[in-house]
């Protein structure tokens, strides 16, 4: 079970990840639905994320940005960013605000 400090840290890491902007879409990776999970274990963060497509030219940039954002959070000393394509990303994974920004209607 997560302690209150870990929950706060997960939220802080997720908030920091919102500063990472996908250079092609011009929107943050959290609200785009690219961040699948954030886990915090003491001073270590594990971020599981994806890109909009396999072979995305911004993959290294996004992974590096996610790493830098995570370790910028007070109390986080190391971070691992794991890339996955399971499940594959779809626009329906975006937050309502991101969908509205891009003119995507909920199904």
PDB file of N, CA and C in Angstrom:
ATOM      1  N   UNK A   1       0.846  -1.184   0.000  1.00  0.00           N
ATOM      2  CA  UNK A   1       0.000   0.000   0.000  1.00  0.00           C
ATOM      3  C   UNK A   1       0.891   1.247   0.000  1.00  0.00           C
ATOM      4  N   UNK A   2       0.489   2.247  -0.737  1.00  0.00           N
ATOM      5  CA  UNK A   2       1.275   3.470  -0.854  1.00  0.00           C
ATOM      6  C   UNK A   2       1.125   4.333   0.391  1.00  0.00           C
ATOM      7  N   UNK A   3       2.228   4.903   0.806  1.00  0.00           N
ATOM      8  CA  UNK A   3       2.159   5.853   1.906  1.00  0.00           C
ATOM      9  C   UNK A   3       1.689   7.191   1.364  1.00  0.00           C
ATOM     10  N   UNK A   4       1.272   8.070   2.244  1.00  0.00           N
ATOM     11  CA  UNK A   4       0.822   9.401   1.822  1.00  0.00           C
ATOM     12  C   UNK A   4       1.935  10.142   1.101  1.00  0.00           C
ATOM     13  N   UNK A   5       3.184   9.962   1.561  1.00  0.00           N
ATOM     14  CA  UNK A   5       4.319  10.638   0.912  1.00  0.00           C
ATOM     15  C   UNK A   5       4.504  10.137  -0.512  1.00  0.00           C
ATOM     16  N   UNK A   6       4.347   8.823  -0.721  1.00  0.00           N
ATOM     17  CA  UNK A   6       4.495   8.283  -2.074  1.00  0.00           C
ATOM     18  C   UNK A   6       3.389   8.787  -2.989  1.00  0.00           C
ATOM     19  N   UNK A   7       2.165   8.882  -2.471  1.00  0.00           N
ATOM     20  CA  UNK A   7       1.064   9.373  -3.279  1.00  0.00           C
ATOM     21  C   UNK A   7       1.334  10.815  -3.696  1.00  0.00           C
ATOM     22  N   UNK A   8       1.779  11.627  -2.746  1.00  0.00           N
ATOM     23  CA  UNK A   8       2.110  13.015  -3.066  1.00  0.00           C
ATOM     24  C   UNK A   8       3.226  13.046  -4.101  1.00  0.00           C
ATOM     25  N   UNK A   9       4.239  12.207  -3.937  1.00  0.00           N
ATOM     26  CA  UNK A   9       5.346  12.180  -4.886  1.00  0.00           C
ATOM     27  C   UNK A   9       4.883  11.766  -6.271  1.00  0.00           C
ATOM     28  N   UNK A  10       3.993  10.762  -6.349  1.00  0.00           N
ATOM     29  CA  UNK A  10       3.470  10.348  -7.654  1.00  0.00           C
ATOM     30  C   UNK A  10       2.733  11.504  -8.321  1.00  0.00           C
ATOM     31  N   UNK A  11       1.931  12.211  -7.548  1.00  0.00           N
ATOM     32  CA  UNK A  11       1.214  13.363  -8.091  1.00  0.00           C
ATOM     33  C   UNK A  11       2.183  14.459  -8.516  1.00  0.00           C
ATOM     34  N   UNK A  12       3.223  14.689  -7.710  1.00  0.00           N
ATOM     35  CA  UNK A  12       4.211  15.713  -8.065  1.00  0.00           C
ATOM     36  C   UNK A  12       4.981  15.324  -9.324  1.00  0.00           C
ATOM     37  N   UNK A  13       5.321  14.057  -9.448  1.00  0.00           N
ATOM     38  CA  UNK A  13       6.016  13.598 -10.662  1.00  0.00           C
ATOM     39  C   UNK A  13       5.098  13.756 -11.866  1.00  0.00           C
ATOM     40  N   UNK A  14       3.849  13.353 -11.730  1.00  0.00           N
ATOM     41  CA  UNK A  14       2.893  13.493 -12.838  1.00  0.00           C
ATOM     42  C   UNK A  14       2.739  14.975 -13.214  1.00  0.00           C
ATOM     43  N   UNK A  15       2.665  15.851 -12.213  1.00  0.00           N
ATOM     44  CA  UNK A  15       2.576  17.288 -12.504  1.00  0.00           C
ATOM     45  C   UNK A  15       3.826  17.776 -13.231  1.00  0.00           C
ATOM     46  N   UNK A  16       4.999  17.299 -12.808  1.00  0.00           N
ATOM     47  CA  UNK A  16       6.244  17.692 -13.477  1.00  0.00           C
ATOM     48  C   UNK A  16       6.261  17.202 -14.922  1.00  0.00           C
ATOM     49  N   UNK A  17       5.708  16.035 -15.162  1.00  0.00           N
ATOM     50  CA  UNK A  17       5.670  15.489 -16.522  1.00  0.00           C
ATOM     51  C   UNK A  17       4.805  16.335 -17.447  1.00  0.00           C
ATOM     52  N   UNK A  18       3.891  17.099 -16.874  1.00  0.00           N
ATOM     53  CA  UNK A  18       3.061  17.991 -17.703  1.00  0.00           C
ATOM     54  C   UNK A  18       3.889  19.110 -18.341  1.00  0.00           C
ATOM     55  N   UNK A  19       5.114  19.303 -17.855  1.00  0.00           N
ATOM     56  CA  UNK A  19       5.995  20.318 -18.450  1.00  0.00           C
ATOM     57  C   UNK A  19       6.673  19.803 -19.712  1.00  0.00           C
ATOM     58  N   UNK A  20       6.563  18.491 -19.969  1.00  0.00           N
ATOM     59  CA  UNK A  20       7.161  17.904 -21.166  1.00  0.00           C
ATOM     60  C   UNK A  20       6.145  18.016 -22.295  1.00  0.00           C
ATOM     61  N   UNK A  21       6.514  18.779 -23.311  1.00  0.00           N
ATOM     62  CA  UNK A  21       5.614  19.059 -24.430  1.00  0.00           C
ATOM     63  C   UNK A  21       6.036  18.236 -25.642  1.00  0.00           C
ATOM     64  N   UNK A  22       5.084  17.501 -26.205  1.00  0.00           N
ATOM     65  CA  UNK A  22       5.354  16.772 -27.437  1.00  0.00           C
ATOM     66  C   UNK A  22       5.621  17.814 -28.527  1.00  0.00           C
ATOM     67  N   UNK A  23       6.813  17.785 -29.146  1.00  0.00           N
ATOM     68  CA  UNK A  23       7.167  18.840 -30.094  1.00  0.00           C
ATOM     69  C   UNK A  23       6.322  18.832 -31.363  1.00  0.00           C
ATOM     70  N   UNK A  24       5.761  17.703 -31.712  1.00  0.00           N
ATOM     71  CA  UNK A  24       4.932  17.644 -32.921  1.00  0.00           C
ATOM     72  C   UNK A  24       3.506  18.121 -32.663  1.00  0.00           C
ATOM     73  N   UNK A  25       2.982  17.810 -31.480  1.00  0.00           N
ATOM     74  CA  UNK A  25       1.601  18.166 -31.171  1.00  0.00           C
ATOM     75  C   UNK A  25       1.484  19.439 -30.347  1.00  0.00           C
ATOM     76  N   UNK A  26       2.583  19.850 -29.690  1.00  0.00           N
ATOM     77  CA  UNK A  26       2.562  21.086 -28.914  1.00  0.00           C
ATOM     78  C   UNK A  26       1.693  21.005 -27.673  1.00  0.00           C
ATOM     79  N   UNK A  27       1.603  19.809 -27.088  1.00  0.00           N
ATOM     80  CA  UNK A  27       0.761  19.614 -25.906  1.00  0.00           C
ATOM     81  C   UNK A  27       1.500  18.685 -24.966  1.00  0.00           C
ATOM     82  N   UNK A  28       1.184  18.727 -23.677  1.00  0.00           N
ATOM     83  CA  UNK A  28       1.959  17.948 -22.705  1.00  0.00           C
ATOM     84  C   UNK A  28       1.652  16.452 -22.782  1.00  0.00           C
ATOM     85  N   UNK A  29       2.661  15.659 -22.427  1.00  0.00           N
ATOM     86  CA  UNK A  29       2.581  14.208 -22.587  1.00  0.00           C
ATOM     87  C   UNK A  29       1.581  13.540 -21.639  1.00  0.00           C
ATOM     88  N   UNK A  30       1.293  14.148 -20.507  1.00  0.00           N
ATOM     89  CA  UNK A  30       0.329  13.556 -19.580  1.00  0.00           C
ATOM     90  C   UNK A  30      -1.077  13.675 -20.157  1.00  0.00           C
ATOM     91  N   UNK A  31      -1.470  14.875 -20.548  1.00  0.00           N
ATOM     92  CA  UNK A  31      -2.823  15.073 -21.055  1.00  0.00           C
ATOM     93  C   UNK A  31      -3.026  14.464 -22.438  1.00  0.00           C
ATOM     94  N   UNK A  32      -1.933  14.242 -23.167  1.00  0.00           N
ATOM     95  CA  UNK A  32      -2.042  13.512 -24.435  1.00  0.00           C
ATOM     96  C   UNK A  32      -2.312  12.024 -24.203  1.00  0.00           C
ATOM     97  N   UNK A  33      -2.105  11.573 -22.966  1.00  0.00           N
ATOM     98  CA  UNK A  33      -2.322  10.157 -22.666  1.00  0.00           C
ATOM     99  C   UNK A  33      -1.113   9.293 -22.946  1.00  0.00           C
ATOM    100  N   UNK A  34       0.057   9.920 -23.083  1.00  0.00           N
ATOM    101  CA  UNK A  34       1.278   9.171 -23.375  1.00  0.00           C
ATOM    102  C   UNK A  34       1.892   8.557 -22.117  1.00  0.00           C
ATOM    103  N   UNK A  35       1.538   9.067 -20.944  1.00  0.00           N
ATOM    104  CA  UNK A  35       2.065   8.532 -19.684  1.00  0.00           C
ATOM    105  C   UNK A  35       1.055   7.517 -19.157  1.00  0.00           C
ATOM    106  N   UNK A  36       1.448   6.257 -19.154  1.00  0.00           N
ATOM    107  CA  UNK A  36       0.555   5.183 -18.714  1.00  0.00           C
ATOM    108  C   UNK A  36       0.593   4.986 -17.205  1.00  0.00           C
ATOM    109  N   UNK A  37       1.769   5.171 -16.603  1.00  0.00           N
ATOM    110  CA  UNK A  37       1.864   4.920 -15.169  1.00  0.00           C
ATOM    111  C   UNK A  37       3.046   5.677 -14.584  1.00  0.00           C
ATOM    112  N   UNK A  38       2.879   6.106 -13.344  1.00  0.00           N
ATOM    113  CA  UNK A  38       3.960   6.703 -12.564  1.00  0.00           C
ATOM    114  C   UNK A  38       3.989   5.960 -11.240  1.00  0.00           C
ATOM    115  N   UNK A  39       5.141   5.380 -10.925  1.00  0.00           N
ATOM    116  CA  UNK A  39       5.308   4.682  -9.648  1.00  0.00           C
ATOM    117  C   UNK A  39       6.495   5.301  -8.926  1.00  0.00           C
ATOM    118  N   UNK A  40       6.361   5.431  -7.623  1.00  0.00           N
ATOM    119  CA  UNK A  40       7.437   5.984  -6.803  1.00  0.00           C
ATOM    120  C   UNK A  40       7.724   4.999  -5.686  1.00  0.00           C
ATOM    121  N   UNK A  41       9.008   4.676  -5.540  1.00  0.00           N
ATOM    122  CA  UNK A  41       9.455   3.802  -4.465  1.00  0.00           C
ATOM    123  C   UNK A  41      10.611   4.518  -3.780  1.00  0.00           C
ATOM    124  N   UNK A  42      10.294   5.205  -2.688  1.00  0.00           N
ATOM    125  CA  UNK A  42      11.312   6.006  -2.011  1.00  0.00           C
ATOM    126  C   UNK A  42      11.794   7.107  -2.939  1.00  0.00           C
ATOM    127  N   UNK A  43      13.105   7.181  -3.194  1.00  0.00           N
ATOM    128  CA  UNK A  43      13.639   8.243  -4.049  1.00  0.00           C
ATOM    129  C   UNK A  43      13.644   7.886  -5.539  1.00  0.00           C
ATOM    130  N   UNK A  44      13.053   6.732  -5.888  1.00  0.00           N
ATOM    131  CA  UNK A  44      13.091   6.256  -7.270  1.00  0.00           C
ATOM    132  C   UNK A  44      11.724   6.370  -7.931  1.00  0.00           C
ATOM    133  N   UNK A  45      11.727   6.851  -9.164  1.00  0.00           N
ATOM    134  CA  UNK A  45      10.485   6.947  -9.935  1.00  0.00           C
ATOM    135  C   UNK A  45      10.581   6.027 -11.140  1.00  0.00           C
ATOM    136  N   UNK A  46       9.467   5.415 -11.472  1.00  0.00           N
ATOM    137  CA  UNK A  46       9.361   4.582 -12.662  1.00  0.00           C
ATOM    138  C   UNK A  46       8.203   5.127 -13.481  1.00  0.00           C
ATOM    139  N   UNK A  47       8.506   5.546 -14.696  1.00  0.00           N
ATOM    140  CA  UNK A  47       7.499   6.111 -15.583  1.00  0.00           C
ATOM    141  C   UNK A  47       7.336   5.159 -16.757  1.00  0.00           C
ATOM    142  N   UNK A  48       6.118   4.720 -16.975  1.00  0.00           N
ATOM    143  CA  UNK A  48       5.809   3.891 -18.135  1.00  0.00           C
ATOM    144  C   UNK A  48       5.043   4.771 -19.100  1.00  0.00           C
ATOM    145  N   UNK A  49       5.565   4.867 -20.321  1.00  0.00           N
ATOM    146  CA  UNK A  49       4.955   5.768 -21.294  1.00  0.00           C
ATOM    147  C   UNK A  49       5.036   5.187 -22.693  1.00  0.00           C
ATOM    148  N   UNK A  50       4.426   5.884 -23.614  1.00  0.00           N
ATOM    149  CA  UNK A  50       4.430   5.482 -25.001  1.00  0.00           C
ATOM    150  C   UNK A  50       4.634   6.718 -25.867  1.00  0.00           C
ATOM    151  N   UNK A  51       4.598   6.521 -27.163  1.00  0.00           N
ATOM    152  CA  UNK A  51       4.595   7.632 -28.120  1.00  0.00           C
ATOM    153  C   UNK A  51       3.370   7.441 -29.002  1.00  0.00           C
ATOM    154  N   UNK A  52       3.045   8.444 -29.782  1.00  0.00           N
ATOM    155  CA  UNK A  52       1.841   8.345 -30.602  1.00  0.00           C
ATOM    156  C   UNK A  52       1.972   7.257 -31.662  1.00  0.00           C
ATOM    157  N   UNK A  53       3.195   7.007 -32.132  1.00  0.00           N
ATOM    158  CA  UNK A  53       3.429   5.953 -33.121  1.00  0.00           C
ATOM    159  C   UNK A  53       4.790   5.313 -32.860  1.00  0.00           C
ATOM    160  N   UNK A  54       4.932   4.069 -33.274  1.00  0.00           N
ATOM    161  CA  UNK A  54       6.252   3.424 -33.226  1.00  0.00           C
ATOM    162  C   UNK A  54       7.169   4.183 -34.161  1.00  0.00           C
ATOM    163  N   UNK A  55       8.405   4.330 -33.772  1.00  0.00           N
ATOM    164  CA  UNK A  55       9.356   5.043 -34.617  1.00  0.00           C
ATOM    165  C   UNK A  55       9.174   6.546 -34.609  1.00  0.00           C
ATOM    166  N   UNK A  56       8.438   7.046 -33.647  1.00  0.00           N
ATOM    167  CA  UNK A  56       8.219   8.490 -33.530  1.00  0.00           C
ATOM    168  C   UNK A  56       9.572   9.189 -33.462  1.00  0.00           C
ATOM    169  N   UNK A  57       9.813  10.198 -34.296  1.00  0.00           N
ATOM    170  CA  UNK A  57      11.111  10.875 -34.276  1.00  0.00           C
ATOM    171  C   UNK A  57      11.401  11.619 -32.971  1.00  0.00           C
ATOM    172  N   UNK A  58      10.385  11.849 -32.171  1.00  0.00           N
ATOM    173  CA  UNK A  58      10.573  12.570 -30.908  1.00  0.00           C
ATOM    174  C   UNK A  58      10.761  11.630 -29.714  1.00  0.00           C
ATOM    175  N   UNK A  59      10.885  10.335 -29.951  1.00  0.00           N
ATOM    176  CA  UNK A  59      10.951   9.366 -28.853  1.00  0.00           C
ATOM    177  C   UNK A  59      12.058   9.694 -27.862  1.00  0.00           C
ATOM    178  N   UNK A  60      13.280   9.877 -28.329  1.00  0.00           N
ATOM    179  CA  UNK A  60      14.391  10.165 -27.418  1.00  0.00           C
ATOM    180  C   UNK A  60      14.158  11.467 -26.650  1.00  0.00           C
ATOM    181  N   UNK A  61      13.660  12.467 -27.335  1.00  0.00           N
ATOM    182  CA  UNK A  61      13.363  13.755 -26.706  1.00  0.00           C
ATOM    183  C   UNK A  61      12.335  13.582 -25.593  1.00  0.00           C
ATOM    184  N   UNK A  62      11.266  12.828 -25.863  1.00  0.00           N
ATOM    185  CA  UNK A  62      10.203  12.638 -24.877  1.00  0.00           C
ATOM    186  C   UNK A  62      10.687  11.826 -23.684  1.00  0.00           C
ATOM    187  N   UNK A  63      11.455  10.768 -23.931  1.00  0.00           N
ATOM    188  CA  UNK A  63      11.986   9.968 -22.832  1.00  0.00           C
ATOM    189  C   UNK A  63      12.942  10.792 -21.975  1.00  0.00           C
ATOM    190  N   UNK A  64      13.813  11.540 -22.613  1.00  0.00           N
ATOM    191  CA  UNK A  64      14.755  12.381 -21.881  1.00  0.00           C
ATOM    192  C   UNK A  64      14.011  13.450 -21.080  1.00  0.00           C
ATOM    193  N   UNK A  65      13.016  14.050 -21.688  1.00  0.00           N
ATOM    194  CA  UNK A  65      12.219  15.058 -20.994  1.00  0.00           C
ATOM    195  C   UNK A  65      11.495  14.488 -19.790  1.00  0.00           C
ATOM    196  N   UNK A  66      10.959  13.275 -19.936  1.00  0.00           N
ATOM    197  CA  UNK A  66      10.268  12.629 -18.824  1.00  0.00           C
ATOM    198  C   UNK A  66      11.246  12.344 -17.689  1.00  0.00           C
ATOM    199  N   UNK A  67      12.435  11.868 -18.031  1.00  0.00           N
ATOM    200  CA  UNK A  67      13.462  11.603 -17.021  1.00  0.00           C
ATOM    201  C   UNK A  67      13.815  12.894 -16.277  1.00  0.00           C
ATOM    202  N   UNK A  68      14.129  13.939 -17.027  1.00  0.00           N
ATOM    203  CA  UNK A  68      14.524  15.216 -16.415  1.00  0.00           C
ATOM    204  C   UNK A  68      13.409  15.796 -15.554  1.00  0.00           C
ATOM    205  N   UNK A  69      12.176  15.680 -16.012  1.00  0.00           N
ATOM    206  CA  UNK A  69      11.052  16.190 -15.229  1.00  0.00           C
ATOM    207  C   UNK A  69      10.913  15.426 -13.917  1.00  0.00           C
ATOM    208  N   UNK A  70      11.055  14.109 -13.983  1.00  0.00           N
ATOM    209  CA  UNK A  70      10.904  13.293 -12.772  1.00  0.00           C
ATOM    210  C   UNK A  70      11.980  13.625 -11.740  1.00  0.00           C
ATOM    211  N   UNK A  71      13.241  13.691 -12.165  1.00  0.00           N
ATOM    212  CA  UNK A  71      14.317  13.937 -11.196  1.00  0.00           C
ATOM    213  C   UNK A  71      14.340  15.387 -10.721  1.00  0.00           C
ATOM    214  N   UNK A  72      13.545  16.246 -11.346  1.00  0.00           N
ATOM    215  CA  UNK A  72      13.455  17.628 -10.869  1.00  0.00           C
ATOM    216  C   UNK A  72      12.548  17.739  -9.644  1.00  0.00           C
ATOM    217  N   UNK A  73      11.782  16.689  -9.357  1.00  0.00           N
ATOM    218  CA  UNK A  73      10.866  16.701  -8.221  1.00  0.00           C
ATOM    219  C   UNK A  73      11.662  16.463  -6.937  1.00  0.00           C
ATOM    220  N   UNK A  74      11.407  17.308  -5.957  1.00  0.00           N
ATOM    221  CA  UNK A  74      12.095  17.168  -4.674  1.00  0.00           C
ATOM    222  C   UNK A  74      11.849  15.783  -4.097  1.00  0.00           C
ATOM    223  N   UNK A  75      12.924  15.114  -3.707  1.00  0.00           N
ATOM    224  CA  UNK A  75      12.823  13.780  -3.130  1.00  0.00           C
ATOM    225  C   UNK A  75      13.025  12.653  -4.124  1.00  0.00           C
ATOM    226  N   UNK A  76      12.987  12.966  -5.416  1.00  0.00           N
ATOM    227  CA  UNK A  76      13.239  11.953  -6.441  1.00  0.00           C
ATOM    228  C   UNK A  76      14.699  12.060  -6.857  1.00  0.00           C
ATOM    229  N   UNK A  77      15.439  10.977  -6.648  1.00  0.00           N
ATOM    230  CA  UNK A  77      16.871  10.973  -6.954  1.00  0.00           C
ATOM    231  C   UNK A  77      17.200  10.244  -8.246  1.00  0.00           C
ATOM    232  N   UNK A  78      16.360   9.304  -8.634  1.00  0.00           N
ATOM    233  CA  UNK A  78      16.607   8.590  -9.882  1.00  0.00           C
ATOM    234  C   UNK A  78      15.272   8.273 -10.536  1.00  0.00           C
ATOM    235  N   UNK A  79      15.330   8.091 -11.845  1.00  0.00           N
ATOM    236  CA  UNK A  79      14.108   7.770 -12.581  1.00  0.00           C
ATOM    237  C   UNK A  79      14.456   6.821 -13.714  1.00  0.00           C
ATOM    238  N   UNK A  80      13.519   5.955 -13.982  1.00  0.00           N
ATOM    239  CA  UNK A  80      13.615   5.074 -15.143  1.00  0.00           C
ATOM    240  C   UNK A  80      12.379   5.333 -15.987  1.00  0.00           C
ATOM    241  N   UNK A  81      12.584   5.500 -17.273  1.00  0.00           N
ATOM    242  CA  UNK A  81      11.481   5.732 -18.194  1.00  0.00           C
ATOM    243  C   UNK A  81      11.407   4.525 -19.123  1.00  0.00           C
ATOM    244  N   UNK A  82      10.313   3.786 -19.011  1.00  0.00           N
ATOM    245  CA  UNK A  82      10.114   2.581 -19.808  1.00  0.00           C
ATOM    246  C   UNK A  82       9.131   2.895 -20.917  1.00  0.00           C
ATOM    247  N   UNK A  83       9.521   2.564 -22.137  1.00  0.00           N
ATOM    248  CA  UNK A  83       8.680   2.796 -23.303  1.00  0.00           C
ATOM    249  C   UNK A  83       7.929   1.512 -23.635  1.00  0.00           C
ATOM    250  N   UNK A  84       6.633   1.628 -23.873  1.00  0.00           N
ATOM    251  CA  UNK A  84       5.819   0.472 -24.249  1.00  0.00           C
ATOM    252  C   UNK A  84       4.849   0.869 -25.349  1.00  0.00           C
ATOM    253  N   UNK A  85       4.416  -0.109 -26.095  1.00  0.00           N
ATOM    254  CA  UNK A  85       3.375   0.116 -27.105  1.00  0.00           C
ATOM    255  C   UNK A  85       2.183  -0.801 -26.846  1.00  0.00           C
ATOM    256  N   UNK A  86       2.078  -1.269 -25.608  1.00  0.00           N
ATOM    257  CA  UNK A  86       0.992  -2.141 -25.219  1.00  0.00           C
ATOM    258  C   UNK A  86       0.294  -1.551 -24.012  1.00  0.00           C
ATOM    259  N   UNK A  87      -0.847  -0.957 -24.167  1.00  0.00           N
ATOM    260  CA  UNK A  87      -1.641  -0.905 -25.389  1.00  0.00           C
ATOM    261  C   UNK A  87      -1.150   0.209 -26.310  1.00  0.00           C
ATOM    262  N   UNK A  88      -1.449   0.087 -27.605  1.00  0.00           N
ATOM    263  CA  UNK A  88      -1.082   1.159 -28.526  1.00  0.00           C
ATOM    264  C   UNK A  88      -1.857   2.433 -28.186  1.00  0.00           C
ATOM    265  N   UNK A  89      -1.208   3.562 -28.345  1.00  0.00           N
ATOM    266  CA  UNK A  89      -1.847   4.841 -28.057  1.00  0.00           C
ATOM    267  C   UNK A  89      -2.922   5.136 -29.099  1.00  0.00           C
ATOM    268  N   UNK A  90      -4.011   5.739 -28.632  1.00  0.00           N
ATOM    269  CA  UNK A  90      -5.046   6.269 -29.521  1.00  0.00           C
ATOM    270  C   UNK A  90      -5.447   7.640 -28.996  1.00  0.00           C
ATOM    271  N   UNK A  91      -6.010   8.489 -29.843  1.00  0.00           N
ATOM    272  CA  UNK A  91      -6.455   9.806 -29.376  1.00  0.00           C
ATOM    273  C   UNK A  91      -7.485   9.736 -28.252  1.00  0.00           C
ATOM    274  N   UNK A  92      -8.184   8.628 -28.121  1.00  0.00           N
ATOM    275  CA  UNK A  92      -9.177   8.494 -27.053  1.00  0.00           C
ATOM    276  C   UNK A  92      -8.527   8.437 -25.670  1.00  0.00           C
ATOM    277  N   UNK A  93      -7.206   8.266 -25.607  1.00  0.00           N
ATOM    278  CA  UNK A  93      -6.490   8.241 -24.329  1.00  0.00           C
ATOM    279  C   UNK A  93      -6.224   9.638 -23.784  1.00  0.00           C
ATOM    280  N   UNK A  94      -6.500  10.648 -24.591  1.00  0.00           N
ATOM    281  CA  UNK A  94      -6.287  12.031 -24.156  1.00  0.00           C
ATOM    282  C   UNK A  94      -7.286  12.418 -23.077  1.00  0.00           C
ATOM    283  N   UNK A  95      -6.892  13.383 -22.255  1.00  0.00           N
ATOM    284  CA  UNK A  95      -7.827  13.942 -21.284  1.00  0.00           C
ATOM    285  C   UNK A  95      -8.906  14.734 -22.034  1.00  0.00           C
ATOM    286  N   UNK A  96     -10.040  14.985 -21.391  1.00  0.00           N
ATOM    287  CA  UNK A  96     -11.067  15.786 -22.042  1.00  0.00           C
ATOM    288  C   UNK A  96     -10.550  17.156 -22.518  1.00  0.00           C
ATOM    289  N   UNK A  97      -9.685  17.778 -21.730  1.00  0.00           N
ATOM    290  CA  UNK A  97      -9.147  19.096 -22.130  1.00  0.00           C
ATOM    291  C   UNK A  97      -8.312  18.987 -23.403  1.00  0.00           C
ATOM    292  N   UNK A  98      -7.497  17.940 -23.507  1.00  0.00           N
ATOM    293  CA  UNK A  98      -6.678  17.758 -24.706  1.00  0.00           C
ATOM    294  C   UNK A  98      -7.559  17.458 -25.916  1.00  0.00           C
ATOM    295  N   UNK A  99      -8.561  16.617 -25.719  1.00  0.00           N
ATOM    296  CA  UNK A  99      -9.481  16.310 -26.824  1.00  0.00           C
ATOM    297  C   UNK A  99     -10.165  17.575 -27.316  1.00  0.00           C
ATOM    298  N   UNK A 100     -10.593  18.403 -26.369  1.00  0.00           N
ATOM    299  CA  UNK A 100     -11.238  19.661 -26.749  1.00  0.00           C
ATOM    300  C   UNK A 100     -10.270  20.550 -27.516  1.00  0.00           C
ATOM    301  N   UNK A 101      -9.035  20.629 -27.049  1.00  0.00           N
ATOM    302  CA  UNK A 101      -8.009  21.435 -27.712  1.00  0.00           C
ATOM    303  C   UNK A 101      -7.830  21.013 -29.175  1.00  0.00           C
ATOM    304  N   UNK A 102      -7.844  19.704 -29.407  1.00  0.00           N
ATOM    305  CA  UNK A 102      -7.618  19.183 -30.754  1.00  0.00           C
ATOM    306  C   UNK A 102      -8.911  18.961 -31.545  1.00  0.00           C
ATOM    307  N   UNK A 103     -10.052  19.290 -30.936  1.00  0.00           N
ATOM    308  CA  UNK A 103     -11.321  19.137 -31.632  1.00  0.00           C
ATOM    309  C   UNK A 103     -11.755  17.700 -31.800  1.00  0.00           C
ATOM    310  N   UNK A 104     -11.388  16.840 -30.840  1.00  0.00           N
ATOM    311  CA  UNK A 104     -11.749  15.433 -30.894  1.00  0.00           C
ATOM    312  C   UNK A 104     -12.954  15.216 -29.990  1.00  0.00           C
ATOM    313  N   UNK A 105     -13.988  14.609 -30.539  1.00  0.00           N
ATOM    314  CA  UNK A 105     -15.183  14.336 -29.753  1.00  0.00           C
ATOM    315  C   UNK A 105     -15.048  12.981 -29.075  1.00  0.00           C
ATOM    316  N   UNK A 106     -15.577  12.886 -27.836  1.00  0.00           N
ATOM    317  CA  UNK A 106     -15.610  11.606 -27.141  1.00  0.00           C
ATOM    318  C   UNK A 106     -16.543  10.661 -27.872  1.00  0.00           C
ATOM    319  N   UNK A 107     -16.163   9.399 -27.858  1.00  0.00           N
ATOM    320  CA  UNK A 107     -17.037   8.403 -28.496  1.00  0.00           C
ATOM    321  C   UNK A 107     -18.132   7.996 -27.558  1.00  0.00           C
TER     322      UNK A 107
END
